[in-house]
C-alpha cells in the first residue's frame, strides 16, 4: 500500500509509523444487495463473515512474530468490532482482536473490485510453504463456502465451487490485503488492513482533533496508536 499522507510524508516518502489506506471511490450499493438492505446500510460484521474473520486471525497468529517481533497472539477466537456502523459508509471499518492478544487488525472492507486479468494464476506467486524469518512479504490461502464471501462480491458466487481467500502482507509496515477468487482463477480485492501492536509508547504529540486523511473529528487514541474510525488512518510511535 502506498501512503497518501500530506508532505513532508507522501507517496515518495512514506512515514513507517503512519498507515493511510488507499483512496477508493465510494460505492452506493452492491449489484446483488441483501434483501431489504443496501451495502451502505449493512454492518461490518454482516459483510466480513465469521469464516473470513477466522482466516484473517489465523494469518495474524501465524505472522505476528514477523510483523511485530515478540507480539505472540493466543489461540482464541477473535471478535470483530465495527467502527463506522450505522453511518451509511461505503467502506466498512472494523477492528479484529482478542482480550489477551498483543496485536489487533484494523480493516477496511469494500465491494469487490473488478479482477485484473488475464493474468498469471495467483498460485504461481505464493512461494514455498512456511513463514521464513527473513520474509519481506507473507501470504496465506484458505477456502470458504460461497455464502461466506457473497456479501463482498458484486456477482453471485457459484454454489458448486468453494472460493479461495488470498491474504498478503508486507512485513515492513504490517499492511496487507485480502482478495477473493470465486472460482475463475482471478483475484478480486475486497479488504485491506494493518496489524497494530496493543502495547507500546503513545504516538508523538497530542491526539489530532481532526483526522489528517479524511478531516473528520472522531480520531481515537488507544494505548499504542491513534485511529480514525471513519477511514482507518492510524499513527504509531
Protein backbone atom coordinates (compact mmCIF):
# COMPACT_ATOMS: atom_id res chain seq x y z
CA UNK A 1 0.00 0.00 0.00
CA UNK A 2 1.24 3.45 -0.82
CA UNK A 3 0.84 6.31 1.56
CA UNK A 4 -1.26 9.31 0.62
CA UNK A 5 -0.22 11.35 3.65
CA UNK A 6 0.47 15.05 3.01
CA UNK A 7 4.05 16.26 2.79
CA UNK A 8 6.58 16.02 4.31
CA UNK A 9 5.37 12.42 4.10
CA UNK A 10 3.72 11.20 0.93
CA UNK A 11 3.93 8.63 -1.87
CA UNK A 12 7.59 9.47 -2.42
CA UNK A 13 8.41 9.47 1.30
CA UNK A 14 6.02 7.35 3.37
CA UNK A 15 6.31 7.54 7.14
CA UNK A 16 6.79 3.99 8.52
CA UNK A 17 4.61 4.74 11.55
CA UNK A 18 1.60 6.11 9.66
CA UNK A 19 -0.95 4.00 7.81
CA UNK A 20 -3.09 5.84 5.30
CA UNK A 21 -5.39 3.45 3.44
CA UNK A 22 -5.62 3.76 -0.35
CA UNK A 23 -8.34 6.04 -1.60
CA UNK A 24 -11.26 4.18 -3.16
CA UNK A 25 -14.39 5.51 -4.84
CA UNK A 26 -17.39 5.39 -2.54
CA UNK A 27 -19.91 2.81 -3.67
CA UNK A 28 -23.63 3.21 -3.23
CA UNK A 29 -24.67 -0.44 -3.06
CA UNK A 30 -23.89 -3.90 -4.38
CA UNK A 31 -25.15 -5.25 -7.68
CA UNK A 32 -26.82 -8.02 -5.71
CA UNK A 33 -27.93 -6.40 -2.43
CA UNK A 34 -29.14 -8.34 0.57
CA UNK A 35 -32.93 -8.37 0.82
CA UNK A 36 -34.07 -5.08 2.31
CA UNK A 37 -30.55 -3.71 2.86
CA UNK A 38 -28.12 -1.80 0.69
CA UNK A 39 -24.37 -2.15 1.10
CA UNK A 40 -24.20 1.18 2.93
CA UNK A 41 -26.82 0.01 5.45
CA UNK A 42 -25.04 -3.22 6.37
CA UNK A 43 -22.80 -3.56 9.41
CA UNK A 44 -19.16 -4.57 9.23
CA UNK A 45 -19.88 -7.95 10.85
CA UNK A 46 -22.52 -8.64 8.19
CA UNK A 47 -20.11 -8.25 5.28
CA UNK A 48 -16.99 -9.71 6.94
CA UNK A 49 -18.44 -13.08 7.89
CA UNK A 50 -17.11 -15.31 10.71
CA UNK A 51 -15.17 -17.65 8.35
CA UNK A 52 -13.44 -14.66 6.72
CA UNK A 53 -12.59 -13.27 10.17
CA UNK A 54 -11.22 -16.65 11.23
CA UNK A 55 -8.96 -16.76 8.14
CA UNK A 56 -7.65 -13.27 8.87
CA UNK A 57 -6.94 -14.07 12.50
CA UNK A 58 -5.17 -17.35 11.70
CA UNK A 59 -2.98 -15.34 9.33
CA UNK A 60 -2.23 -12.80 12.08
CA UNK A 61 -1.39 -15.57 14.55
CA UNK A 62 0.97 -17.19 12.05
CA UNK A 63 2.80 -14.00 11.11
CA UNK A 64 2.65 -11.75 14.21
CA UNK A 65 6.19 -12.71 15.21
CA UNK A 66 7.40 -11.20 11.92
CA UNK A 67 5.09 -8.21 11.73
CA UNK A 68 5.67 -7.25 15.38
CA UNK A 69 8.52 -9.29 16.93
CA UNK A 70 7.66 -10.54 20.39
CA UNK A 71 3.93 -9.97 19.97
CA UNK A 72 2.58 -13.51 20.22
CA UNK A 73 -1.17 -13.99 19.79
CA UNK A 74 -3.27 -16.55 21.70
CA UNK A 75 -5.16 -19.40 20.10
CA UNK A 76 -8.60 -17.99 20.81
CA UNK A 77 -11.42 -16.64 18.64
CA UNK A 78 -11.15 -13.00 17.67
CA UNK A 79 -14.03 -10.56 17.85
CA UNK A 80 -14.85 -8.01 15.18
CA UNK A 81 -15.98 -4.53 16.24
CA UNK A 82 -17.50 -2.31 13.57
CA UNK A 83 -16.17 1.24 13.95
CA UNK A 84 -18.37 3.11 11.48
CA UNK A 85 -21.57 1.05 11.53
CA UNK A 86 -24.88 2.88 11.02
CA UNK A 87 -23.15 5.80 9.30
CA UNK A 88 -24.04 4.86 5.72
CA UNK A 89 -20.40 4.16 4.90
CA UNK A 90 -19.34 2.82 1.52
CA UNK A 91 -16.23 1.30 3.16
CA UNK A 92 -16.67 -0.69 6.38
CA UNK A 93 -14.06 -0.09 9.09
CA UNK A 94 -13.55 -2.75 11.75
CA UNK A 95 -11.14 -3.88 14.46
CA UNK A 96 -10.37 -7.58 14.95
CA UNK A 97 -8.73 -8.81 18.13
CA UNK A 98 -8.92 -10.79 21.36
CA UNK A 99 -8.96 -9.96 25.07
CA UNK A 100 -5.42 -11.22 25.72
CA UNK A 101 -3.68 -10.75 22.36
CA UNK A 102 -0.86 -8.25 21.91
CA UNK A 103 -1.88 -7.12 18.43
CA UNK A 104 -5.07 -6.22 16.64
CA UNK A 105 -6.06 -5.92 12.99
CA UNK A 106 -7.79 -2.80 11.64
CA UNK A 107 -9.57 -3.48 8.35
CA UNK A 108 -11.36 -1.65 5.56
CA UNK A 109 -13.87 -3.83 3.70
CA UNK A 110 -15.35 -2.75 0.37
CA UNK A 111 -17.22 -4.32 -2.50
CA UNK A 112 -15.06 -6.47 -4.76
CA UNK A 113 -13.03 -4.62 -7.33
CA UNK A 114 -13.06 -5.93 -10.92
CA UNK A 115 -10.50 -8.71 -11.39
CA UNK A 116 -7.29 -7.77 -13.12
CA UNK A 117 -6.96 -10.22 -15.97
CA UNK A 118 -5.97 -12.05 -17.94
CA UNK A 119 -3.10 -12.62 -15.56
CA UNK A 120 -0.72 -15.29 -14.36
CA UNK A 121 -2.53 -17.64 -11.97
CA UNK A 122 -2.14 -16.25 -8.47
CA UNK A 123 -0.96 -19.63 -7.14
CA UNK A 124 2.32 -19.19 -9.03
CA UNK A 125 3.30 -16.29 -6.79
CA UNK A 126 2.78 -17.95 -3.40
CA UNK A 127 6.28 -19.37 -2.91
CA UNK A 128 7.03 -22.30 -0.63
CA UNK A 129 5.01 -23.19 2.49
CA UNK A 130 6.16 -21.88 5.83
CA UNK A 131 6.99 -18.46 7.29
CA UNK A 132 10.69 -17.69 6.90
CA UNK A 133 12.42 -15.31 9.36
CA UNK A 134 13.72 -13.02 6.61
CA UNK A 135 10.49 -12.80 4.62
CA UNK A 136 9.60 -9.43 3.10
CA UNK A 137 6.04 -10.39 2.10
CA UNK A 138 3.96 -13.16 3.68
CA UNK A 139 0.93 -14.83 2.08
CA UNK A 140 -1.82 -17.17 3.21
CA UNK A 141 -4.64 -19.03 1.48
CA UNK A 142 -7.87 -20.60 2.66
CA UNK A 143 -11.12 -21.89 1.18
CA UNK A 144 -14.58 -20.97 2.42
CA UNK A 145 -18.17 -21.62 1.37
CA UNK A 146 -19.68 -19.39 -1.35
CA UNK A 147 -22.09 -17.81 1.15
CA UNK A 148 -19.14 -16.70 3.29
CA UNK A 149 -17.87 -14.27 0.64
CA UNK A 150 -21.16 -13.44 -1.11
CA UNK A 151 -21.65 -10.14 0.84
CA UNK A 152 -18.33 -8.86 -0.53
CA UNK A 153 -18.92 -9.77 -4.18
CA UNK A 154 -20.87 -7.95 -6.86
CA UNK A 155 -21.67 -11.20 -8.67
CA UNK A 156 -23.41 -14.31 -7.35
CA UNK A 157 -20.75 -16.93 -6.47
CA UNK A 158 -21.25 -20.39 -7.89
CA UNK A 159 -22.75 -22.76 -5.31
CA UNK A 160 -20.61 -25.58 -6.76
CA UNK A 161 -17.16 -24.03 -6.16
CA UNK A 162 -15.59 -23.11 -2.83
CA UNK A 163 -13.92 -19.71 -3.22
CA UNK A 164 -10.31 -19.07 -2.29
CA UNK A 165 -9.21 -16.33 0.10
CA UNK A 166 -5.71 -14.96 -0.53
CA UNK A 167 -4.12 -12.82 2.20
CA UNK A 168 -0.85 -10.95 1.67
CA UNK A 169 1.02 -8.61 4.00
CA UNK A 170 4.21 -6.57 3.78
CA UNK A 171 6.42 -7.23 6.79
CA UNK A 172 7.99 -3.74 6.83
CA UNK A 173 4.79 -1.85 7.66
CA UNK A 174 2.44 -4.73 8.65
CA UNK A 175 -0.14 -3.74 6.00
CA UNK A 176 -1.88 -6.15 3.69
CA UNK A 177 -4.83 -7.13 1.56
CA UNK A 178 -7.38 -9.91 1.28
CA UNK A 179 -8.71 -10.92 -2.13
CA UNK A 180 -11.31 -13.48 -3.24
CA UNK A 181 -11.07 -15.95 -6.12
CA UNK A 182 -14.68 -17.15 -6.52
CA UNK A 183 -13.59 -19.97 -8.82
CA UNK A 184 -12.45 -18.41 -12.09
CA UNK A 185 -8.80 -18.04 -11.07
CA UNK A 186 -8.95 -14.23 -10.87
CA UNK A 187 -8.50 -12.33 -7.60
CA UNK A 188 -10.93 -9.63 -6.53
CA UNK A 189 -9.57 -7.34 -3.77
CA UNK A 190 -12.18 -6.87 -1.06
CA UNK A 191 -10.31 -5.77 2.04
CA UNK A 192 -7.13 -4.01 3.17
CA UNK A 193 -5.73 -3.98 6.68
CA UNK A 194 -2.97 -3.04 9.07
CA UNK A 195 -1.79 -5.10 12.06
CA UNK A 196 -1.07 -2.90 15.10
CA UNK A 197 0.58 -3.53 18.47
CA UNK A 198 -1.64 -3.03 21.51
CA UNK A 199 1.18 -2.07 23.86
CA UNK A 200 3.96 0.47 23.47
CA UNK A 201 4.61 4.21 23.55
CA UNK A 202 1.96 6.72 22.56
CA UNK A 203 2.20 8.43 19.18
CA UNK A 204 4.11 11.70 19.50
CA UNK A 205 2.19 14.84 20.35
CA UNK A 206 -1.47 15.23 21.16
CA UNK A 207 -4.30 13.27 19.60
CA UNK A 208 -5.30 15.05 16.36
CA UNK A 209 -8.53 16.99 16.70
CA UNK A 210 -9.37 16.09 13.11
CA UNK A 211 -8.17 13.18 11.01
CA UNK A 212 -5.27 14.22 8.72
CA UNK A 213 -6.61 11.90 6.00
CA UNK A 214 -10.39 12.43 5.93
CA UNK A 215 -10.77 15.60 8.08
CA UNK A 216 -13.42 14.06 10.33
CA UNK A 217 -13.33 14.73 14.06
CA UNK A 218 -13.57 11.25 15.58
CA UNK A 219 -9.90 10.26 15.97
CA UNK A 220 -9.41 7.94 18.95
CA UNK A 221 -6.23 7.42 20.98
CA UNK A 222 -5.51 3.85 22.08
CA UNK A 223 -2.57 2.73 24.23
CA UNK A 224 -0.10 2.50 21.33
CA UNK A 225 -1.77 4.17 18.33
CA UNK A 226 -4.22 6.78 17.11
CA UNK A 227 -7.06 5.60 14.87
CA UNK A 228 -9.73 7.30 12.80
CA UNK A 229 -12.85 5.07 12.80
CA UNK A 230 -14.15 6.75 9.65
CA UNK A 231 -11.26 5.98 7.25
CA UNK A 232 -8.85 3.72 9.24
CA UNK A 233 -5.99 6.23 9.28
CA UNK A 234 -3.58 5.22 12.04
CA UNK A 235 -0.42 6.63 13.60
CA UNK A 236 2.01 4.90 15.95
CA UNK A 237 5.12 5.99 17.82
